[in-house]
Amino acid sequence: MKTIFTSIQDQFGVRELPPSLFHAFDNALRFDLGGKESYIHFPMRRFSQAYERACTIAHAHFEDSSEIYLLLSSYGLEQPSKKRLNHIEFCGIERSDVQYVGRTAQHDEEHMAEFGCDQFRHWDIVKVNDKRSISDIMWLCIASEMIIEPAFHSTKAYLVDAKNCLILHAYDDRGLDVVSLNKAKLSELFIKFNKWLLEYDLARMNAMFAPDD
């Protein structure tokens, strides 16, 4: 597993996967999940829409993938919190199958000034053996900032196909980033789910992926 983790780092040229994939890579798309549905007045409608969109995009992104890994990221002190893997069993994944692969110091001066120590980002990895687990993982991600349970409250999830250089990260009910080193792969998603692209970043995505007239 550690070899897979290192391979992902090498392929994408990063020390660790950034919180915002869209702003870290040129070949990237950002989708609007929750849209205009109100978090306060219509939380269930917002969740339902965000979850449906996330699942649809994720399954399309990994449609041809034969090997998918789940990378879990959590912030904390030098030792990882046991709570970081809460609810992973609801995804059809056994805790015993999840491997801790290391931590990276964040060199966070504000954290050091306030707490007297640095903050660390901890990483775990596990192979996704059943593609139905993708939908379960999307649930935990989308619910993270909502009044929905179960949810990942302190853990961020990245789905990765290392063989085909694909990454997907649903950061919460607001949106989802997809990355690929293969521009053609993202062009398909750009066209298929064009109406769900985040309007704020649409100019950049059009410049990169819109077909020539």
C-alpha atoms as a PDB file:
ATOM      1  CA  MET A   1       0.000   0.000   0.000  1.00  0.00           C
ATOM      2  CA  LYS A   2       2.827   2.376   0.821  1.00  0.00           C
ATOM      3  CA  THR A   3       4.215   1.738  -2.659  1.00  0.00           C
ATOM      4  CA  ILE A   4       0.869   2.758  -4.174  1.00  0.00           C
ATOM      5  CA  PHE A   5       0.851   5.919  -2.064  1.00  0.00           C
ATOM      6  CA  THR A   6       4.379   6.801  -3.203  1.00  0.00           C
ATOM      7  CA  SER A   7       3.425   6.055  -6.801  1.00  0.00           C
ATOM      8  CA  ILE A   8       0.530   8.520  -6.580  1.00  0.00           C
ATOM      9  CA  GLN A   9       2.830  11.194  -5.187  1.00  0.00           C
ATOM     10  CA  ASP A  10       5.338  10.618  -7.980  1.00  0.00           C
ATOM     11  CA  GLN A  11       2.757  10.526 -10.771  1.00  0.00           C
ATOM     12  CA  PHE A  12       1.181  13.819  -9.790  1.00  0.00           C
ATOM     13  CA  GLY A  13       4.407  15.456  -8.633  1.00  0.00           C
ATOM     14  CA  VAL A  14       3.191  16.337  -5.148  1.00  0.00           C
ATOM     15  CA  ARG A  15       4.384  15.785  -1.611  1.00  0.00           C
ATOM     16  CA  GLU A  16       0.757  15.253  -0.623  1.00  0.00           C
ATOM     17  CA  LEU A  17      -2.570  15.693  -2.388  1.00  0.00           C
ATOM     18  CA  PRO A  18      -3.678  19.304  -1.857  1.00  0.00           C
ATOM     19  CA  PRO A  19      -7.044  20.176  -0.248  1.00  0.00           C
ATOM     20  CA  SER A  20      -8.022  21.992  -3.448  1.00  0.00           C
ATOM     21  CA  LEU A  21      -7.221  19.782  -6.434  1.00  0.00           C
ATOM     22  CA  PHE A  22      -8.762  22.235  -8.881  1.00  0.00           C
ATOM     23  CA  HIS A  23      -6.288  25.002  -8.091  1.00  0.00           C
ATOM     24  CA  ALA A  24      -3.277  22.673  -7.954  1.00  0.00           C
ATOM     25  CA  PHE A  25      -3.539  21.028 -11.389  1.00  0.00           C
ATOM     26  CA  ASP A  26      -4.144  22.346 -14.896  1.00  0.00           C
ATOM     27  CA  ASN A  27      -6.216  19.365 -16.021  1.00  0.00           C
ATOM     28  CA  ALA A  28      -9.020  19.712 -13.491  1.00  0.00           C
ATOM     29  CA  LEU A  29     -12.766  20.224 -13.295  1.00  0.00           C
ATOM     30  CA  ARG A  30     -14.807  21.634 -10.433  1.00  0.00           C
ATOM     31  CA  PHE A  31     -18.477  20.730 -10.114  1.00  0.00           C
ATOM     32  CA  ASP A  32     -21.265  22.483  -8.209  1.00  0.00           C
ATOM     33  CA  LEU A  33     -23.076  19.879  -6.112  1.00  0.00           C
ATOM     34  CA  GLY A  34     -25.544  21.571  -3.776  1.00  0.00           C
ATOM     35  CA  GLY A  35     -26.393  24.384  -6.157  1.00  0.00           C
ATOM     36  CA  LYS A  36     -28.893  26.979  -4.996  1.00  0.00           C
ATOM     37  CA  GLU A  37     -30.805  24.709  -2.632  1.00  0.00           C
ATOM     38  CA  SER A  38     -30.742  26.313   0.829  1.00  0.00           C
ATOM     39  CA  TYR A  39     -28.672  24.604   3.514  1.00  0.00           C
ATOM     40  CA  ILE A  40     -30.876  26.198   6.195  1.00  0.00           C
ATOM     41  CA  HIS A  41     -34.385  25.898   4.750  1.00  0.00           C
ATOM     42  CA  PHE A  42     -34.087  22.781   2.586  1.00  0.00           C
ATOM     43  CA  PRO A  43     -31.132  20.715   3.873  1.00  0.00           C
ATOM     44  CA  MET A  44     -32.572  17.406   2.674  1.00  0.00           C
ATOM     45  CA  ARG A  45     -33.154  18.721  -0.832  1.00  0.00           C
ATOM     46  CA  ARG A  46     -29.622  20.121  -0.916  1.00  0.00           C
ATOM     47  CA  PHE A  47     -28.119  16.879   0.361  1.00  0.00           C
ATOM     48  CA  SER A  48     -30.139  14.759  -2.080  1.00  0.00           C
ATOM     49  CA  GLN A  49     -29.062  16.831  -5.063  1.00  0.00           C
ATOM     50  CA  ALA A  50     -25.415  16.986  -3.983  1.00  0.00           C
ATOM     51  CA  TYR A  51     -25.295  13.242  -3.295  1.00  0.00           C
ATOM     52  CA  GLU A  52     -26.935  12.326  -6.592  1.00  0.00           C
ATOM     53  CA  ARG A  53     -24.578  14.526  -8.592  1.00  0.00           C
ATOM     54  CA  ALA A  54     -21.487  13.321  -6.732  1.00  0.00           C
ATOM     55  CA  CYS A  55     -22.356   9.659  -7.264  1.00  0.00           C
ATOM     56  CA  THR A  56     -23.132  10.183 -10.949  1.00  0.00           C
ATOM     57  CA  ILE A  57     -19.858  12.016 -11.620  1.00  0.00           C
ATOM     58  CA  ALA A  58     -17.755   9.624  -9.535  1.00  0.00           C
ATOM     59  CA  HIS A  59     -19.064   6.479 -11.202  1.00  0.00           C
ATOM     60  CA  ALA A  60     -18.558   8.049 -14.640  1.00  0.00           C
ATOM     61  CA  HIS A  61     -15.013   9.147 -13.740  1.00  0.00           C
ATOM     62  CA  PHE A  62     -14.035   5.634 -12.666  1.00  0.00           C
ATOM     63  CA  GLU A  63     -16.189   3.711 -15.144  1.00  0.00           C
ATOM     64  CA  ASP A  64     -13.192   2.078 -16.833  1.00  0.00           C
ATOM     65  CA  SER A  65     -11.061   1.753 -13.680  1.00  0.00           C
ATOM     66  CA  SER A  66     -10.100  -1.737 -12.567  1.00  0.00           C
ATOM     67  CA  GLU A  67      -8.194  -0.650  -9.458  1.00  0.00           C
ATOM     68  CA  ILE A  68      -9.315   2.193  -7.194  1.00  0.00           C
ATOM     69  CA  TYR A  69      -7.807   3.318  -3.905  1.00  0.00           C
ATOM     70  CA  LEU A  70      -9.280   5.459  -1.168  1.00  0.00           C
ATOM     71  CA  LEU A  71      -6.885   7.921   0.444  1.00  0.00           C
ATOM     72  CA  LEU A  72      -7.984   9.434   3.735  1.00  0.00           C
ATOM     73  CA  SER A  73      -6.518  12.666   5.059  1.00  0.00           C
ATOM     74  CA  SER A  74      -6.915  14.055   8.576  1.00  0.00           C
ATOM     75  CA  TYR A  75      -5.223  16.845  10.515  1.00  0.00           C
ATOM     76  CA  GLY A  76      -4.040  16.546  14.094  1.00  0.00           C
ATOM     77  CA  LEU A  77      -1.097  16.278  16.422  1.00  0.00           C
ATOM     78  CA  GLU A  78       1.900  14.013  15.867  1.00  0.00           C
ATOM     79  CA  GLN A  79      -0.108  10.846  16.539  1.00  0.00           C
ATOM     80  CA  PRO A  80      -3.223  10.218  14.408  1.00  0.00           C
ATOM     81  CA  SER A  81      -6.647  10.255  16.044  1.00  0.00           C
ATOM     82  CA  LYS A  82      -8.475   6.937  16.250  1.00  0.00           C
ATOM     83  CA  LYS A  83     -11.672   8.765  15.286  1.00  0.00           C
ATOM     84  CA  ARG A  84     -10.351   9.520  11.807  1.00  0.00           C
ATOM     85  CA  LEU A  85     -11.684   6.177  10.518  1.00  0.00           C
ATOM     86  CA  ASN A  86     -15.149   6.532  12.045  1.00  0.00           C
ATOM     87  CA  HIS A  87     -17.918   5.204   9.757  1.00  0.00           C
ATOM     88  CA  ILE A  88     -15.534   3.634   7.223  1.00  0.00           C
ATOM     89  CA  GLU A  89     -17.226   0.288   7.881  1.00  0.00           C
ATOM     90  CA  PHE A  90     -20.445   1.725   6.399  1.00  0.00           C
ATOM     91  CA  CYS A  91     -18.650   1.758   3.043  1.00  0.00           C
ATOM     92  CA  GLY A  92     -18.101  -1.993   3.030  1.00  0.00           C
ATOM     93  CA  ILE A  93     -14.498  -1.455   4.121  1.00  0.00           C
ATOM     94  CA  GLU A  94     -13.002  -3.155   7.162  1.00  0.00           C
ATOM     95  CA  ARG A  95     -10.917  -0.979   9.477  1.00  0.00           C
ATOM     96  CA  SER A  96      -8.290  -3.715   9.556  1.00  0.00           C
ATOM     97  CA  ASP A  97      -7.799  -3.305   5.785  1.00  0.00           C
ATOM     98  CA  VAL A  98      -6.966   0.394   6.092  1.00  0.00           C
ATOM     99  CA  GLN A  99      -3.217   1.043   6.241  1.00  0.00           C
ATOM    100  CA  TYR A 100      -1.667   4.096   7.847  1.00  0.00           C
ATOM    101  CA  VAL A 101       1.034   5.333   5.470  1.00  0.00           C
ATOM    102  CA  GLY A 102       2.443   8.343   7.264  1.00  0.00           C
ATOM    103  CA  ARG A 103       2.184  12.000   8.162  1.00  0.00           C
ATOM    104  CA  THR A 104       3.469  15.294   6.809  1.00  0.00           C
ATOM    105  CA  ALA A 105       4.353  18.267   8.987  1.00  0.00           C
ATOM    106  CA  GLN A 106       2.445  21.381   7.944  1.00  0.00           C
ATOM    107  CA  HIS A 107       4.945  23.927   9.334  1.00  0.00           C
ATOM    108  CA  ASP A 108       1.952  25.900  10.573  1.00  0.00           C
ATOM    109  CA  GLU A 109       3.374  28.894  12.446  1.00  0.00           C
ATOM    110  CA  GLU A 110      -0.029  29.981  13.797  1.00  0.00           C
ATOM    111  CA  HIS A 111      -0.663  26.494  15.173  1.00  0.00           C
ATOM    112  CA  MET A 112       2.787  26.390  16.738  1.00  0.00           C
ATOM    113  CA  ALA A 113       2.290  29.818  18.320  1.00  0.00           C
ATOM    114  CA  GLU A 114      -1.071  28.834  19.794  1.00  0.00           C
ATOM    115  CA  PHE A 115      -0.415  25.236  20.812  1.00  0.00           C
ATOM    116  CA  GLY A 116       3.368  25.034  21.047  1.00  0.00           C
ATOM    117  CA  CYS A 117       3.659  22.317  18.379  1.00  0.00           C
ATOM    118  CA  ASP A 118       3.217  21.839  14.677  1.00  0.00           C
ATOM    119  CA  GLN A 119       0.137  20.430  12.986  1.00  0.00           C
ATOM    120  CA  PHE A 120       0.376  17.187  11.031  1.00  0.00           C
ATOM    121  CA  ARG A 121      -1.594  15.799   8.119  1.00  0.00           C
ATOM    122  CA  HIS A 122      -2.099  12.054   8.453  1.00  0.00           C
ATOM    123  CA  TRP A 123      -2.689   9.672   5.551  1.00  0.00           C
ATOM    124  CA  ASP A 124      -4.396   6.281   5.321  1.00  0.00           C
ATOM    125  CA  ILE A 125      -5.001   4.141   2.238  1.00  0.00           C
ATOM    126  CA  VAL A 126      -7.221   1.186   1.361  1.00  0.00           C
ATOM    127  CA  LYS A 127      -8.192  -0.544  -1.854  1.00  0.00           C
ATOM    128  CA  VAL A 128     -11.826  -0.179  -2.936  1.00  0.00           C
ATOM    129  CA  ASN A 129     -12.822  -3.703  -3.927  1.00  0.00           C
ATOM    130  CA  ASP A 130     -16.465  -2.962  -4.708  1.00  0.00           C
ATOM    131  CA  LYS A 131     -17.423   0.033  -6.868  1.00  0.00           C
ATOM    132  CA  ARG A 132     -20.694   0.294  -4.937  1.00  0.00           C
ATOM    133  CA  SER A 133     -18.555   1.624  -2.084  1.00  0.00           C
ATOM    134  CA  ILE A 134     -17.990   4.784  -4.131  1.00  0.00           C
ATOM    135  CA  SER A 135     -21.560   5.912  -3.427  1.00  0.00           C
ATOM    136  CA  ASP A 136     -21.128   5.191   0.286  1.00  0.00           C
ATOM    137  CA  ILE A 137     -17.937   7.259   0.369  1.00  0.00           C
ATOM    138  CA  MET A 138     -19.701  10.113  -1.426  1.00  0.00           C
ATOM    139  CA  TRP A 139     -22.398  10.083   1.278  1.00  0.00           C
ATOM    140  CA  LEU A 140     -19.841  10.512   4.067  1.00  0.00           C
ATOM    141  CA  CYS A 141     -18.114  13.331   2.168  1.00  0.00           C
ATOM    142  CA  ILE A 142     -21.255  15.255   1.193  1.00  0.00           C
ATOM    143  CA  ALA A 143     -22.682  15.032   4.729  1.00  0.00           C
ATOM    144  CA  SER A 144     -19.495  16.353   6.365  1.00  0.00           C
ATOM    145  CA  GLU A 145     -20.747  19.936   6.833  1.00  0.00           C
ATOM    146  CA  MET A 146     -24.465  19.161   7.094  1.00  0.00           C
ATOM    147  CA  ILE A 147     -26.911  17.924   9.726  1.00  0.00           C
ATOM    148  CA  ILE A 148     -26.731  14.474   8.136  1.00  0.00           C
ATOM    149  CA  GLU A 149     -25.294  11.299   9.617  1.00  0.00           C
ATOM    150  CA  PRO A 150     -23.182   9.288   9.220  1.00  0.00           C
ATOM    151  CA  ALA A 151     -20.517  11.695   7.991  1.00  0.00           C
ATOM    152  CA  PHE A 152     -16.789  12.341   7.786  1.00  0.00           C
ATOM    153  CA  HIS A 153     -16.362  15.280  10.173  1.00  0.00           C
ATOM    154  CA  SER A 154     -12.577  15.503  10.386  1.00  0.00           C
ATOM    155  CA  THR A 155     -11.494  13.313   7.484  1.00  0.00           C
ATOM    156  CA  LYS A 156     -11.173  14.147   3.792  1.00  0.00           C
ATOM    157  CA  ALA A 157     -11.419  11.427   1.140  1.00  0.00           C
ATOM    158  CA  TYR A 158      -9.703  11.111  -2.239  1.00  0.00           C
ATOM    159  CA  LEU A 159     -10.561   8.363  -4.710  1.00  0.00           C
ATOM    160  CA  VAL A 160      -7.592   7.505  -6.921  1.00  0.00           C
ATOM    161  CA  ASP A 161      -6.985   5.321  -9.950  1.00  0.00           C
ATOM    162  CA  ALA A 162      -3.181   5.288  -9.955  1.00  0.00           C
ATOM    163  CA  LYS A 163      -2.957   3.240 -13.160  1.00  0.00           C
ATOM    164  CA  ASN A 164      -4.954   5.748 -15.226  1.00  0.00           C
ATOM    165  CA  CYS A 165      -3.913   8.825 -13.204  1.00  0.00           C
ATOM    166  CA  LEU A 166      -7.404   9.835 -12.040  1.00  0.00           C
ATOM    167  CA  ILE A 167      -8.351  11.564  -8.772  1.00  0.00           C
ATOM    168  CA  LEU A 168     -11.713  12.642  -7.378  1.00  0.00           C
ATOM    169  CA  HIS A 169     -12.302  14.667  -4.225  1.00  0.00           C
ATOM    170  CA  ALA A 170     -15.757  15.711  -2.988  1.00  0.00           C
ATOM    171  CA  TYR A 171     -14.874  18.335  -0.404  1.00  0.00           C
ATOM    172  CA  ASP A 172     -18.435  18.726   0.973  1.00  0.00           C
ATOM    173  CA  ASP A 173     -21.986  19.501  -0.216  1.00  0.00           C
ATOM    174  CA  ARG A 174     -20.706  22.537  -2.137  1.00  0.00           C
ATOM    175  CA  GLY A 175     -18.528  20.864  -4.699  1.00  0.00           C
ATOM    176  CA  LEU A 176     -16.310  18.183  -6.149  1.00  0.00           C
ATOM    177  CA  ASP A 177     -12.964  18.253  -7.981  1.00  0.00           C
ATOM    178  CA  VAL A 178     -11.755  15.755 -10.558  1.00  0.00           C
ATOM    179  CA  VAL A 179      -8.216  15.568 -11.936  1.00  0.00           C
ATOM    180  CA  SER A 180      -6.595  13.510 -14.661  1.00  0.00           C
ATOM    181  CA  LEU A 181      -3.241  13.570 -16.396  1.00  0.00           C
ATOM    182  CA  ASN A 182      -5.228  12.549 -19.486  1.00  0.00           C
ATOM    183  CA  LYS A 183      -6.971  15.674 -20.782  1.00  0.00           C
ATOM    184  CA  ALA A 184      -9.254  13.649 -23.051  1.00  0.00           C
ATOM    185  CA  LYS A 185     -10.741  11.846 -20.053  1.00  0.00           C
ATOM    186  CA  LEU A 186     -11.804  15.114 -18.464  1.00  0.00           C
ATOM    187  CA  SER A 187     -13.073  16.463 -21.783  1.00  0.00           C
ATOM    188  CA  GLU A 188     -15.674  13.703 -21.734  1.00  0.00           C
ATOM    189  CA  LEU A 189     -16.862  14.745 -18.276  1.00  0.00           C
ATOM    190  CA  PHE A 190     -16.771  18.411 -19.291  1.00  0.00           C
ATOM    191  CA  ILE A 191     -19.231  17.730 -22.088  1.00  0.00           C
ATOM    192  CA  LYS A 192     -21.400  15.155 -20.327  1.00  0.00           C
ATOM    193  CA  PHE A 193     -21.933  17.127 -17.103  1.00  0.00           C
ATOM    194  CA  ASN A 194     -21.449  20.637 -18.425  1.00  0.00           C
ATOM    195  CA  LYS A 195     -24.537  22.028 -16.664  1.00  0.00           C
ATOM    196  CA  TRP A 196     -23.098  21.024 -13.275  1.00  0.00           C
ATOM    197  CA  LEU A 197     -19.756  22.825 -13.657  1.00  0.00           C
ATOM    198  CA  LEU A 198     -19.167  25.538 -11.065  1.00  0.00           C
ATOM    199  CA  GLU A 199     -20.053  28.826 -12.742  1.00  0.00           C
ATOM    200  CA  TYR A 200     -17.418  30.810 -10.822  1.00  0.00           C
ATOM    201  CA  ASP A 201     -14.571  28.833 -12.471  1.00  0.00           C
ATOM    202  CA  LEU A 202     -16.300  28.211 -15.800  1.00  0.00           C
ATOM    203  CA  ALA A 203     -14.098  30.578 -17.814  1.00  0.00           C
ATOM    204  CA  ARG A 204     -10.952  28.653 -16.896  1.00  0.00           C
ATOM    205  CA  MET A 205     -12.584  25.281 -17.660  1.00  0.00           C
ATOM    206  CA  ASN A 206     -13.975  26.509 -20.990  1.00  0.00           C
ATOM    207  CA  ALA A 207     -10.529  27.717 -21.998  1.00  0.00           C
ATOM    208  CA  MET A 208      -9.048  24.310 -21.223  1.00  0.00           C
ATOM    209  CA  PHE A 209     -11.745  21.861 -22.337  1.00  0.00           C
ATOM    210  CA  ALA A 210     -14.311  23.514 -24.633  1.00  0.00           C
ATOM    211  CA  PRO A 211     -14.134  21.959 -28.102  1.00  0.00           C
ATOM    212  CA  ASP A 212     -12.976  24.167 -30.952  1.00  0.00           C
ATOM    213  CA  ASP A 213     -15.751  25.415 -33.218  1.00  0.00           C
END
